[in-house]
Amino acid sequence: MVDNNRDWDDYNRQIAVQGRQILERTGESIQRSNQIAIETEAIGTEVISELNDQREALLRTKSRLENADEQLDSAKAILRRMGRNIVYNRLILILIIIMEVGILIGISYIKFIK
């Protein structure tokens, strides 16, 4: 009976040792998982910071592009006005030339025919 108790005690000790080893491995695994979680959180924070910086850069770029678009619209309007002014100036120049030719014909008629 003593041997049976001793075997039973050895068996219980062995189970307890195995349980303790399992607990230690589990604790180490939890520590590794915790460390990975901390590192992941740091990386996530860094990524969020970089994304925020990129967002701000994109918003600044968008603002510049909108400003450039407005300036292009303004430039188009100015160029259209300049084009119309060129056409008007040519028409006026043609009218002046026609009037000068008419005046020359009139003066020639008056001078040579009379």
C-alpha atoms as a PDB file:
ATOM      1  CA  MET A   1       0.000   0.000   0.000  1.00  0.00           C
ATOM      2  CA  VAL A   2       2.920   2.299   0.691  1.00  0.00           C
ATOM      3  CA  ASP A   3       4.174   1.698  -2.866  1.00  0.00           C
ATOM      4  CA  ASN A   4       0.764   2.450  -4.229  1.00  0.00           C
ATOM      5  CA  ASN A   5       0.626   5.750  -2.306  1.00  0.00           C
ATOM      6  CA  ARG A   6       4.150   6.579  -3.354  1.00  0.00           C
ATOM      7  CA  ASP A   7       3.305   5.889  -7.041  1.00  0.00           C
ATOM      8  CA  TRP A   8       0.213   8.006  -6.648  1.00  0.00           C
ATOM      9  CA  ASP A   9       2.243  10.853  -5.085  1.00  0.00           C
ATOM     10  CA  ASP A  10       4.885  10.614  -7.839  1.00  0.00           C
ATOM     11  CA  TYR A  11       2.153  10.664 -10.448  1.00  0.00           C
ATOM     12  CA  ASN A  12       0.557  13.742  -8.837  1.00  0.00           C
ATOM     13  CA  ARG A  13       3.950  15.455  -8.617  1.00  0.00           C
ATOM     14  CA  GLN A  14       4.615  14.677 -12.249  1.00  0.00           C
ATOM     15  CA  ILE A  15       1.213  16.069 -13.246  1.00  0.00           C
ATOM     16  CA  ALA A  16       1.872  19.153 -11.109  1.00  0.00           C
ATOM     17  CA  VAL A  17       5.309  19.643 -12.721  1.00  0.00           C
ATOM     18  CA  GLN A  18       3.805  19.248 -16.188  1.00  0.00           C
ATOM     19  CA  GLY A  19       1.018  21.652 -15.286  1.00  0.00           C
ATOM     20  CA  ARG A  20       3.594  24.154 -14.030  1.00  0.00           C
ATOM     21  CA  GLN A  21       5.647  23.787 -17.222  1.00  0.00           C
ATOM     22  CA  ILE A  22       2.510  24.339 -19.265  1.00  0.00           C
ATOM     23  CA  LEU A  23       1.704  27.433 -17.191  1.00  0.00           C
ATOM     24  CA  GLU A  24       5.245  28.760 -17.658  1.00  0.00           C
ATOM     25  CA  ARG A  25       5.089  28.200 -21.433  1.00  0.00           C
ATOM     26  CA  THR A  26       1.661  29.826 -21.498  1.00  0.00           C
ATOM     27  CA  GLY A  27       2.984  32.793 -19.501  1.00  0.00           C
ATOM     28  CA  GLU A  28       5.924  33.144 -21.907  1.00  0.00           C
ATOM     29  CA  SER A  29       3.549  32.932 -24.843  1.00  0.00           C
ATOM     30  CA  ILE A  30       1.354  35.608 -23.282  1.00  0.00           C
ATOM     31  CA  GLN A  31       4.418  37.812 -22.749  1.00  0.00           C
ATOM     32  CA  ARG A  32       5.456  37.353 -26.404  1.00  0.00           C
ATOM     33  CA  SER A  33       1.905  38.092 -27.510  1.00  0.00           C
ATOM     34  CA  ASN A  34       1.846  41.181 -25.294  1.00  0.00           C
ATOM     35  CA  GLN A  35       5.181  42.370 -26.749  1.00  0.00           C
ATOM     36  CA  ILE A  36       3.894  41.790 -30.281  1.00  0.00           C
ATOM     37  CA  ALA A  37       0.736  43.714 -29.424  1.00  0.00           C
ATOM     38  CA  ILE A  38       2.827  46.631 -28.090  1.00  0.00           C
ATOM     39  CA  GLU A  39       4.993  46.623 -31.224  1.00  0.00           C
ATOM     40  CA  THR A  40       1.904  46.394 -33.442  1.00  0.00           C
ATOM     41  CA  GLU A  41       0.338  49.318 -31.603  1.00  0.00           C
ATOM     42  CA  ALA A  42       3.514  51.384 -32.098  1.00  0.00           C
ATOM     43  CA  ILE A  43       3.588  50.527 -35.790  1.00  0.00           C
ATOM     44  CA  GLY A  44      -0.116  51.343 -36.087  1.00  0.00           C
ATOM     45  CA  THR A  45       0.415  54.701 -34.392  1.00  0.00           C
ATOM     46  CA  GLU A  46       3.300  55.462 -36.752  1.00  0.00           C
ATOM     47  CA  VAL A  47       1.225  54.455 -39.786  1.00  0.00           C
ATOM     48  CA  ILE A  48      -1.666  56.634 -38.633  1.00  0.00           C
ATOM     49  CA  SER A  49       0.723  59.549 -38.184  1.00  0.00           C
ATOM     50  CA  GLU A  50       2.161  59.037 -41.673  1.00  0.00           C
ATOM     51  CA  LEU A  51      -1.321  58.724 -43.155  1.00  0.00           C
ATOM     52  CA  ASN A  52      -2.311  61.961 -41.428  1.00  0.00           C
ATOM     53  CA  ASP A  53       0.754  63.695 -42.889  1.00  0.00           C
ATOM     54  CA  GLN A  54      -0.093  62.318 -46.335  1.00  0.00           C
ATOM     55  CA  ARG A  55      -3.704  63.467 -45.942  1.00  0.00           C
ATOM     56  CA  GLU A  56      -2.549  66.972 -45.095  1.00  0.00           C
ATOM     57  CA  ALA A  57      -0.185  66.937 -48.092  1.00  0.00           C
ATOM     58  CA  LEU A  58      -3.019  65.772 -50.345  1.00  0.00           C
ATOM     59  CA  LEU A  59      -5.329  68.485 -49.013  1.00  0.00           C
ATOM     60  CA  ARG A  60      -2.642  71.125 -49.664  1.00  0.00           C
ATOM     61  CA  THR A  61      -2.138  69.725 -53.158  1.00  0.00           C
ATOM     62  CA  LYS A  62      -5.884  69.752 -53.771  1.00  0.00           C
ATOM     63  CA  SER A  63      -6.044  73.373 -52.643  1.00  0.00           C
ATOM     64  CA  ARG A  64      -3.167  74.300 -54.971  1.00  0.00           C
ATOM     65  CA  LEU A  65      -4.830  72.478 -57.861  1.00  0.00           C
ATOM     66  CA  GLU A  66      -8.129  74.246 -57.222  1.00  0.00           C
ATOM     67  CA  ASN A  67      -6.263  77.559 -57.137  1.00  0.00           C
ATOM     68  CA  ALA A  68      -4.458  76.669 -60.377  1.00  0.00           C
ATOM     69  CA  ASP A  69      -7.791  75.686 -61.947  1.00  0.00           C
ATOM     70  CA  GLU A  70      -9.282  79.048 -60.988  1.00  0.00           C
ATOM     71  CA  GLN A  71      -6.261  80.827 -62.432  1.00  0.00           C
ATOM     72  CA  LEU A  72      -6.548  78.800 -65.646  1.00  0.00           C
ATOM     73  CA  ASP A  73     -10.220  79.745 -65.939  1.00  0.00           C
ATOM     74  CA  SER A  74      -9.288  83.381 -65.442  1.00  0.00           C
ATOM     75  CA  ALA A  75      -6.494  83.087 -68.030  1.00  0.00           C
ATOM     76  CA  LYS A  76      -8.918  81.499 -70.526  1.00  0.00           C
ATOM     77  CA  ALA A  77     -11.337  84.380 -70.058  1.00  0.00           C
ATOM     78  CA  ILE A  78      -8.534  86.916 -70.554  1.00  0.00           C
ATOM     79  CA  LEU A  79      -7.346  85.120 -73.699  1.00  0.00           C
ATOM     80  CA  ARG A  80     -10.903  85.080 -75.094  1.00  0.00           C
ATOM     81  CA  ARG A  81     -11.197  88.827 -74.471  1.00  0.00           C
ATOM     82  CA  MET A  82      -7.813  89.391 -76.089  1.00  0.00           C
ATOM     83  CA  GLY A  83      -8.923  87.322 -79.106  1.00  0.00           C
ATOM     84  CA  ARG A  84     -12.104  89.376 -79.453  1.00  0.00           C
ATOM     85  CA  ASN A  85     -10.089  92.589 -79.134  1.00  0.00           C
ATOM     86  CA  ILE A  86      -7.745  91.398 -81.896  1.00  0.00           C
ATOM     87  CA  VAL A  87     -10.721  90.732 -84.177  1.00  0.00           C
ATOM     88  CA  TYR A  88     -12.244  94.141 -83.343  1.00  0.00           C
ATOM     89  CA  ASN A  89      -8.900  95.867 -83.933  1.00  0.00           C
ATOM     90  CA  ARG A  90      -8.535  94.154 -87.339  1.00  0.00           C
ATOM     91  CA  LEU A  91     -12.060  95.169 -88.299  1.00  0.00           C
ATOM     92  CA  ILE A  92     -11.344  98.764 -87.275  1.00  0.00           C
ATOM     93  CA  LEU A  93      -8.043  98.677 -89.196  1.00  0.00           C
ATOM     94  CA  ILE A  94      -9.828  97.344 -92.311  1.00  0.00           C
ATOM     95  CA  LEU A  95     -12.459 100.079 -91.988  1.00  0.00           C
ATOM     96  CA  ILE A  96      -9.737 102.728 -91.663  1.00  0.00           C
ATOM     97  CA  ILE A  97      -7.958 101.352 -94.762  1.00  0.00           C
ATOM     98  CA  ILE A  98     -11.242 101.337 -96.711  1.00  0.00           C
ATOM     99  CA  MET A  99     -11.930 104.911 -95.605  1.00  0.00           C
ATOM    100  CA  GLU A 100      -8.403 105.990 -96.607  1.00  0.00           C
ATOM    101  CA  VAL A 101      -8.806 104.318-100.017  1.00  0.00           C
ATOM    102  CA  GLY A 102     -12.181 106.033-100.386  1.00  0.00           C
ATOM    103  CA  ILE A 103     -10.686 109.389 -99.423  1.00  0.00           C
ATOM    104  CA  LEU A 104      -7.802 108.876-101.889  1.00  0.00           C
ATOM    105  CA  ILE A 105     -10.258 107.978-104.658  1.00  0.00           C
ATOM    106  CA  GLY A 106     -12.372 111.011-103.760  1.00  0.00           C
ATOM    107  CA  ILE A 107      -9.382 113.362-103.707  1.00  0.00           C
ATOM    108  CA  SER A 108      -8.083 111.893-106.986  1.00  0.00           C
ATOM    109  CA  TYR A 109     -11.507 112.292-108.577  1.00  0.00           C
ATOM    110  CA  ILE A 110     -11.811 115.882-107.438  1.00  0.00           C
ATOM    111  CA  LYS A 111      -8.237 116.786-108.411  1.00  0.00           C
ATOM    112  CA  PHE A 112      -8.006 115.081-111.814  1.00  0.00           C
ATOM    113  CA  ILE A 113     -11.540 115.203-113.075  1.00  0.00           C
ATOM    114  CA  LYS A 114     -12.378 118.792-112.159  1.00  0.00           C
END
